[in-house]
């Protein structure tokens, strides 16, 4: 297993994520503990030492599961990461209780990596209001945290603000060959690198979407490398970046774990030819699944001030496997003046769009998805 150097620590390039562990039933969050424990043991036997979890994973059962499953290993043999869900706190006392609860659930004296969870514009505001960072920095001084960082879901502009606000050790971002452009992961990665923060990658396969491309896209990849899985291309894309510390994978089966180990053990970056092949597969995939927006921002001259690039980004995120919850969350933080309801269908944006996108039609498609998402989330 390739390991990346981080201060005085060596971190496995493949990280064991616990958000999607095997469950008793398909639609259940109840962990199938024998299967999950077997996967964890196999991963660690094959060099994985970074274990990532969070307070709410598997309806709060991931942390206590790991607390039991990891007891048979020497504490110094693995790196444990979990996260603070600051939105559960009304005051700093609540934050303290959650932290103490996590120590007990995970049956540990310290966390190797600790994160402020899911920082976006709303949750970062809570972090500042409750002085969450100050509390965690004190815990770091006391030895309960070795490395302090954050996971992030928002714009590069906010990321830069977060980086400058406090003294962090690392940042965790959603990075894959689709979000490199759509979610501006490239800019986010570069901001971390420029500011000396290690990058931890989440969603390298975009929740499984990039393991299940269109048949045409799969054929492009398989014709070139018939012995490599579709998912392996996504894992290698993320892992090849020099400032990436570890690539987290939320694996739900032993087969997925074995495939990831095969990919990361004796790791090889994408060759120039493979990069060309992957770009061809991406182009084919996007032509079928998404709005072909490149983010050129020509349409920002909208007379009604509709934030067309952002709205098309939300649409693409949903079409590429994003959840109703995420769609509604991202939509809710937009200003009313930026939303598609202000569109007058004047067609000026269509005339100026280099990709000739029927923007009013796509905005209506987004509006329909949002309405359906509200129904689905409130059933």
Protein backbone atom coordinates (compact mmCIF):
# COMPACT_ATOMS: atom_id res chain seq x y z
CA UNK A 1 0.00 0.00 0.00
CA UNK A 2 1.42 3.37 -0.99
CA UNK A 3 1.60 5.80 1.89
CA UNK A 4 1.85 9.58 1.84
CA UNK A 5 3.96 11.48 4.35
CA UNK A 6 2.13 13.99 6.56
CA UNK A 7 4.26 15.67 9.22
CA UNK A 8 5.44 12.75 11.40
CA UNK A 9 2.78 10.38 10.09
CA UNK A 10 2.46 8.02 7.12
CA UNK A 11 -1.08 7.80 5.73
CA UNK A 12 -2.38 5.05 3.45
CA UNK A 13 -3.36 6.38 0.03
CA UNK A 14 -6.63 4.46 0.33
CA UNK A 15 -8.80 5.55 3.25
CA UNK A 16 -11.56 3.35 4.71
CA UNK A 17 -14.77 5.38 4.71
CA UNK A 18 -17.66 4.25 6.91
CA UNK A 19 -20.61 6.15 5.46
CA UNK A 20 -21.75 3.26 3.26
CA UNK A 21 -20.84 0.08 5.12
CA UNK A 22 -22.79 -3.11 4.31
CA UNK A 23 -26.24 -3.17 5.88
CA UNK A 24 -28.64 -5.86 7.04
CA UNK A 25 -31.19 -4.89 4.40
CA UNK A 26 -30.84 -2.92 1.19
CA UNK A 27 -32.77 0.17 2.34
CA UNK A 28 -31.65 -0.05 5.96
CA UNK A 29 -28.88 1.85 7.74
CA UNK A 30 -28.41 -1.01 10.21
CA UNK A 31 -24.81 -2.17 9.84
CA UNK A 32 -24.16 -5.79 8.93
CA UNK A 33 -21.45 -5.97 11.55
CA UNK A 34 -19.85 -9.32 10.61
CA UNK A 35 -19.44 -8.20 6.97
CA UNK A 36 -18.27 -4.73 7.92
CA UNK A 37 -15.76 -6.09 10.43
CA UNK A 38 -14.42 -8.58 7.87
CA UNK A 39 -13.92 -5.72 5.40
CA UNK A 40 -12.17 -3.59 8.00
CA UNK A 41 -9.84 -6.44 8.93
CA UNK A 42 -9.04 -7.19 5.29
CA UNK A 43 -8.35 -3.52 4.59
CA UNK A 44 -5.98 -3.17 7.54
CA UNK A 45 -4.23 -6.45 6.72
CA UNK A 46 -3.54 -4.96 3.29
CA UNK A 47 -2.03 -1.72 4.52
CA UNK A 48 -4.99 0.63 4.99
CA UNK A 49 -4.45 2.64 8.17
CA UNK A 50 -6.78 5.66 7.75
CA UNK A 51 -10.30 5.06 9.11
CA UNK A 52 -12.86 7.82 8.53
CA UNK A 53 -16.22 8.13 10.26
CA UNK A 54 -18.69 10.77 11.50
CA UNK A 55 -21.20 11.34 14.27
CA UNK A 56 -24.30 10.66 12.16
CA UNK A 57 -23.08 7.91 9.82
CA UNK A 58 -25.44 4.94 9.79
CA UNK A 59 -27.85 6.86 12.04
CA UNK A 60 -25.19 7.25 14.69
CA UNK A 61 -24.11 3.60 14.72
CA UNK A 62 -20.85 3.88 12.77
CA UNK A 63 -18.82 5.30 15.65
CA UNK A 64 -19.83 2.68 18.26
CA UNK A 65 -19.30 -0.08 15.68
CA UNK A 66 -15.74 1.11 15.08
CA UNK A 67 -15.21 1.49 18.83
CA UNK A 68 -15.79 -2.26 19.14
CA UNK A 69 -14.22 -3.44 15.89
CA UNK A 70 -10.93 -1.59 16.38
CA UNK A 71 -10.27 -2.77 19.94
CA UNK A 72 -8.27 -5.78 18.79
CA UNK A 73 -5.69 -3.53 17.10
CA UNK A 74 -2.97 -1.52 18.76
CA UNK A 75 -4.10 2.10 18.86
CA UNK A 76 -0.93 3.34 17.17
CA UNK A 77 -1.49 0.97 14.22
CA UNK A 78 -4.30 3.02 12.69
CA UNK A 79 -5.31 6.65 12.17
CA UNK A 80 -8.82 7.52 13.35
CA UNK A 81 -10.80 10.43 11.93
CA UNK A 82 -14.23 11.71 12.90
CA UNK A 83 -16.16 14.98 12.62
CA UNK A 84 -18.04 17.59 14.61
CA UNK A 85 -21.62 18.20 13.36
CA UNK A 86 -21.89 21.75 14.67
CA UNK A 87 -25.49 22.07 13.43
CA UNK A 88 -26.54 19.82 16.32
CA UNK A 89 -25.34 22.42 18.82
CA UNK A 90 -27.22 25.38 20.24
CA UNK A 91 -24.30 26.44 22.43
CA UNK A 92 -20.71 25.46 23.16
CA UNK A 93 -21.93 23.10 25.88
CA UNK A 94 -23.62 20.97 23.22
CA UNK A 95 -20.37 20.86 21.23
CA UNK A 96 -18.46 19.69 24.31
CA UNK A 97 -21.03 16.94 24.97
CA UNK A 98 -20.81 15.68 21.38
CA UNK A 99 -17.01 15.57 21.52
CA UNK A 100 -17.00 13.65 24.81
CA UNK A 101 -19.64 11.30 23.43
CA UNK A 102 -17.48 10.57 20.39
CA UNK A 103 -14.49 9.69 22.58
CA UNK A 104 -16.68 7.21 24.46
CA UNK A 105 -18.38 5.76 21.37
CA UNK A 106 -15.08 5.20 19.59
CA UNK A 107 -13.49 4.01 22.85
CA UNK A 108 -10.37 6.07 22.28
CA UNK A 109 -8.25 8.59 24.16
CA UNK A 110 -7.58 10.77 21.12
CA UNK A 111 -8.38 11.39 17.46
CA UNK A 112 -5.61 11.41 14.88
CA UNK A 113 -7.63 13.60 12.52
CA UNK A 114 -10.64 15.64 13.58
CA UNK A 115 -12.85 17.71 11.26
CA UNK A 116 -15.45 20.42 11.39
CA UNK A 117 -18.05 18.60 9.34
CA UNK A 118 -19.57 19.78 6.05
CA UNK A 119 -18.59 23.43 6.14
CA UNK A 120 -20.80 25.47 3.84
CA UNK A 121 -21.94 29.06 4.26
CA UNK A 122 -24.54 28.12 6.90
CA UNK A 123 -22.47 25.69 8.93
CA UNK A 124 -19.38 27.88 8.84
CA UNK A 125 -21.50 30.66 10.33
CA UNK A 126 -22.51 28.30 13.16
CA UNK A 127 -18.87 27.33 13.62
CA UNK A 128 -17.94 30.96 14.12
CA UNK A 129 -20.94 31.79 16.30
CA UNK A 130 -20.37 28.90 18.70
CA UNK A 131 -16.57 29.24 18.59
CA UNK A 132 -16.25 25.59 17.58
CA UNK A 133 -12.74 26.01 16.22
CA UNK A 134 -11.52 27.59 19.45
CA UNK A 135 -12.92 24.67 21.45
CA UNK A 136 -11.30 22.09 19.14
CA UNK A 137 -7.99 23.96 19.10
CA UNK A 138 -7.95 23.71 22.90
CA UNK A 139 -8.64 19.98 22.66
CA UNK A 140 -5.70 19.74 20.29
CA UNK A 141 -3.47 21.50 22.79
CA UNK A 142 -4.65 19.03 25.45
CA UNK A 143 -3.70 16.06 23.23
CA UNK A 144 -7.18 14.84 22.29
CA UNK A 145 -6.67 15.83 18.65
CA UNK A 146 -3.46 15.42 16.65
CA UNK A 147 -4.50 17.11 13.39
CA UNK A 148 -7.40 19.54 13.00
CA UNK A 149 -9.19 20.18 9.71
CA UNK A 150 -12.56 20.42 8.00
CA UNK A 151 -14.69 18.88 5.28
CA UNK A 152 -16.10 21.30 2.75
CA UNK A 153 -19.08 21.68 0.38
CA UNK A 154 -19.35 25.14 -1.13
CA UNK A 155 -17.61 27.66 -3.38
CA UNK A 156 -13.88 28.34 -3.70
CA UNK A 157 -14.55 31.85 -2.43
CA UNK A 158 -15.90 30.52 0.86
CA UNK A 159 -13.11 27.95 1.05
CA UNK A 160 -10.53 30.70 0.87
CA UNK A 161 -12.32 32.57 3.65
CA UNK A 162 -12.34 29.45 5.84
CA UNK A 163 -8.67 28.76 5.19
CA UNK A 164 -7.73 32.30 6.17
CA UNK A 165 -9.98 32.38 9.25
CA UNK A 166 -8.13 29.76 11.30
CA UNK A 167 -4.97 27.68 11.49
CA UNK A 168 -5.87 24.33 9.94
CA UNK A 169 -3.79 21.24 9.23
CA UNK A 170 -5.80 19.81 6.32
CA UNK A 171 -8.99 20.11 4.31
CA UNK A 172 -11.30 17.44 2.91
CA UNK A 173 -13.06 18.16 -0.39
CA UNK A 174 -15.22 16.36 -2.92
CA UNK A 175 -12.91 15.65 -5.83
CA UNK A 176 -13.38 13.48 -8.89
CA UNK A 177 -13.08 13.85 -12.64
CA UNK A 178 -16.62 15.24 -12.94
CA UNK A 179 -16.48 17.67 -10.02
CA UNK A 180 -13.03 18.87 -11.09
CA UNK A 181 -15.01 21.37 -13.18
CA UNK A 182 -18.66 21.14 -12.06
CA UNK A 183 -18.00 21.67 -8.35
CA UNK A 184 -14.81 23.64 -8.98
CA UNK A 185 -12.75 20.98 -7.22
CA UNK A 186 -9.72 22.10 -9.19
CA UNK A 187 -9.84 25.56 -7.61
CA UNK A 188 -10.50 24.06 -4.19
CA UNK A 189 -7.57 21.67 -4.51
CA UNK A 190 -5.29 24.48 -5.62
CA UNK A 191 -6.36 26.67 -2.69
CA UNK A 192 -5.46 23.91 -0.23
CA UNK A 193 -2.14 23.34 -1.96
CA UNK A 194 -1.25 27.04 -2.12
CA UNK A 195 -1.97 27.44 1.58
CA UNK A 196 0.04 24.43 2.68
CA UNK A 197 -2.93 22.27 3.70
CA UNK A 198 -2.98 18.57 2.91
CA UNK A 199 -5.95 17.48 0.78
CA UNK A 200 -8.13 14.53 1.74
CA UNK A 201 -10.44 13.39 -1.05
CA UNK A 202 -14.04 12.32 -0.52
CA UNK A 203 -16.47 11.06 -3.15
CA UNK A 204 -13.78 10.03 -5.67
CA UNK A 205 -16.39 7.86 -7.43
CA UNK A 206 -19.19 10.37 -6.76
CA UNK A 207 -21.27 8.05 -4.62
CA UNK A 208 -20.92 5.22 -7.15
CA UNK A 209 -22.00 7.28 -10.16
CA UNK A 210 -18.56 7.01 -11.77
CA UNK A 211 -18.58 3.26 -11.34
CA UNK A 212 -21.78 3.12 -13.38
CA UNK A 213 -21.25 5.25 -16.44
CA UNK A 214 -23.34 5.03 -19.59
CA UNK A 215 -22.73 1.91 -21.69
CA UNK A 216 -20.99 4.02 -24.33
CA UNK A 217 -18.63 5.56 -21.77
CA UNK A 218 -17.87 2.20 -20.18
CA UNK A 219 -17.05 0.76 -23.58
CA UNK A 220 -14.44 3.47 -24.20
CA UNK A 221 -12.68 2.61 -20.95
CA UNK A 222 -13.08 -1.15 -21.25
CA UNK A 223 -11.84 -1.26 -24.84
CA UNK A 224 -8.61 0.38 -23.72
CA UNK A 225 -8.18 -1.51 -20.44
CA UNK A 226 -10.47 -4.57 -20.26
CA UNK A 227 -8.95 -5.76 -16.98
CA UNK A 228 -9.55 -2.51 -15.09
CA UNK A 229 -12.84 -1.61 -13.45
CA UNK A 230 -14.68 1.58 -14.29
CA UNK A 231 -14.28 2.72 -10.68
CA UNK A 232 -10.51 2.27 -10.81
CA UNK A 233 -10.19 5.10 -13.34
CA UNK A 234 -11.87 7.48 -10.89
CA UNK A 235 -9.74 6.32 -7.96
CA UNK A 236 -6.52 6.77 -9.92
CA UNK A 237 -7.60 10.20 -11.17
CA UNK A 238 -7.93 11.48 -7.60
CA UNK A 239 -4.97 9.60 -6.11
CA UNK A 240 -2.45 10.86 -8.67
CA UNK A 241 -2.58 14.46 -7.43
CA UNK A 242 0.59 15.20 -5.43
CA UNK A 243 -1.06 17.08 -2.56
CA UNK A 244 -3.66 14.35 -1.96
CA UNK A 245 -2.99 12.65 1.37
CA UNK A 246 -5.59 9.90 1.16
CA UNK A 247 -8.57 9.00 -1.03
CA UNK A 248 -11.59 7.98 1.01
CA UNK A 249 -13.84 5.28 -0.33
CA UNK A 250 -17.18 4.46 1.31
CA UNK A 251 -17.19 0.78 0.38
CA UNK A 252 -20.29 -1.36 0.91
CA UNK A 253 -18.96 -4.75 -0.23
CA UNK A 254 -15.81 -6.84 -0.10
CA UNK A 255 -15.70 -6.77 -3.91
CA UNK A 256 -15.44 -2.96 -3.88
CA UNK A 257 -12.69 -3.12 -1.26
CA UNK A 258 -10.73 -5.71 -3.24
CA UNK A 259 -11.02 -3.62 -6.39
CA UNK A 260 -9.78 -0.50 -4.60
CA UNK A 261 -6.87 -2.39 -3.07
CA UNK A 262 -5.94 -3.73 -6.49
CA UNK A 263 -5.98 -0.17 -7.82
CA UNK A 264 -4.07 1.54 -5.01
CA UNK A 265 -1.52 -1.18 -4.21
CA UNK A 266 1.39 -0.66 -6.62
CA UNK A 267 -0.35 2.57 -7.60
CA UNK A 268 0.27 4.04 -11.05
CA UNK A 269 -0.90 7.53 -12.12
CA UNK A 270 -2.82 7.87 -15.36
CA UNK A 271 -0.56 7.90 -18.38
CA UNK A 272 -0.97 10.64 -21.04
CA UNK A 273 -2.78 8.11 -23.25
CA UNK A 274 -5.06 7.01 -20.42
CA UNK A 275 -5.85 10.65 -19.72
CA UNK A 276 -6.98 11.05 -23.34
CA UNK A 277 -9.13 7.92 -23.11
CA UNK A 278 -10.75 9.11 -19.88
CA UNK A 279 -11.52 12.51 -21.40
CA UNK A 280 -13.27 10.78 -24.29
CA UNK A 281 -15.34 8.72 -21.85
CA UNK A 282 -16.21 11.82 -19.83
CA UNK A 283 -17.33 13.67 -22.96
CA UNK A 284 -19.57 10.76 -23.95
CA UNK A 285 -21.00 10.47 -20.43
CA UNK A 286 -21.79 14.16 -20.10
CA UNK A 287 -23.43 14.31 -23.51
CA UNK A 288 -26.03 11.83 -22.28
CA UNK A 289 -26.49 12.80 -18.67
CA UNK A 290 -26.03 16.51 -18.12
CA UNK A 291 -26.37 20.05 -19.37
CA UNK A 292 -23.15 20.74 -21.32
CA UNK A 293 -22.38 23.92 -19.36
CA UNK A 294 -18.68 24.78 -19.17
CA UNK A 295 -19.06 27.57 -16.62
CA UNK A 296 -17.91 30.24 -19.05
CA UNK A 297 -20.30 32.69 -17.29
CA UNK A 298 -21.33 34.56 -20.46
CA UNK A 299 -24.91 34.19 -19.28
CA UNK A 300 -24.24 36.16 -16.09
CA UNK A 301 -25.28 39.26 -18.02
CA UNK A 302 -28.88 38.21 -17.40
CA UNK A 303 -31.06 41.32 -17.11
CA UNK A 304 -33.03 39.69 -14.28
CA UNK A 305 -29.85 38.79 -12.33
CA UNK A 306 -30.67 35.06 -12.43
CA UNK A 307 -27.60 33.09 -11.37
CA UNK A 308 -27.68 30.79 -14.38
CA UNK A 309 -24.27 29.09 -13.89
CA UNK A 310 -25.09 28.18 -10.28
CA UNK A 311 -28.55 26.89 -11.17
CA UNK A 312 -27.20 24.75 -14.02
CA UNK A 313 -24.55 23.44 -11.62
CA UNK A 314 -27.31 22.38 -9.21
CA UNK A 315 -29.15 20.68 -12.06
CA UNK A 316 -26.04 18.81 -13.17
CA UNK A 317 -25.24 17.75 -9.62
CA UNK A 318 -28.73 16.25 -9.28
CA UNK A 319 -28.56 14.55 -12.68
CA UNK A 320 -25.21 13.03 -11.74
CA UNK A 321 -26.62 11.23 -8.75
CA UNK A 322 -26.96 13.95 -6.13
CA UNK A 323 -29.70 13.53 -3.52
CA UNK A 324 -32.92 15.50 -3.10
CA UNK A 325 -31.64 16.64 0.29
CA UNK A 326 -28.43 18.07 -1.16
CA UNK A 327 -30.32 19.77 -3.98
CA UNK A 328 -32.68 21.48 -1.55
CA UNK A 329 -29.86 22.40 0.81
CA UNK A 330 -27.78 24.01 -1.93
CA UNK A 331 -30.82 25.74 -3.41
CA UNK A 332 -31.94 27.14 -0.05
CA UNK A 333 -28.77 29.20 0.45
CA UNK A 334 -29.23 31.06 -2.84
CA UNK A 335 -30.70 34.55 -2.83
CA UNK A 336 -34.30 34.80 -4.03
CA UNK A 337 -33.18 37.25 -6.69
CA UNK A 338 -30.84 34.64 -8.19
CA UNK A 339 -33.43 31.89 -8.60
CA UNK A 340 -35.01 30.57 -11.77
CA UNK A 341 -38.46 31.93 -10.87
CA UNK A 342 -37.18 35.34 -12.02
CA UNK A 343 -36.50 34.13 -15.56
CA UNK A 344 -38.63 35.90 -18.19
CA UNK A 345 -37.55 33.54 -21.01
CA UNK A 346 -36.20 36.49 -22.98
CA UNK A 347 -33.75 34.13 -24.77
CA UNK A 348 -30.81 36.54 -24.48
CA UNK A 349 -28.83 33.93 -22.56
CA UNK A 350 -29.52 31.34 -25.26
CA UNK A 351 -28.22 33.69 -27.94
CA UNK A 352 -24.96 34.32 -26.09
CA UNK A 353 -24.31 30.75 -24.84
CA UNK A 354 -21.34 29.18 -26.69
CA UNK A 355 -22.83 25.73 -26.06
CA UNK A 356 -26.25 26.75 -27.47
CA UNK A 357 -28.02 25.49 -24.34
CA UNK A 358 -31.76 26.14 -24.15
CA UNK A 359 -31.30 27.75 -20.74
CA UNK A 360 -34.96 28.60 -19.97
CA UNK A 361 -35.88 24.99 -20.70
CA UNK A 362 -33.12 23.69 -18.41
CA UNK A 363 -34.16 26.11 -15.67
CA UNK A 364 -37.69 24.77 -15.92
CA UNK A 365 -36.31 21.23 -15.65
CA UNK A 366 -34.49 22.27 -12.48
CA UNK A 367 -37.65 23.88 -11.11
CA UNK A 368 -39.55 20.63 -11.69
CA UNK A 369 -36.83 18.62 -9.91
CA UNK A 370 -36.90 21.01 -6.95
CA UNK A 371 -40.68 20.72 -6.64
CA UNK A 372 -40.43 16.93 -6.75
CA UNK A 373 -37.59 17.00 -4.21
CA UNK A 374 -39.78 18.95 -1.77
CA UNK A 375 -42.50 16.32 -2.20
CA UNK A 376 -40.07 13.43 -1.72
CA UNK A 377 -38.43 14.94 1.36
CA UNK A 378 -41.76 15.72 3.05
CA UNK A 379 -43.58 12.46 2.48
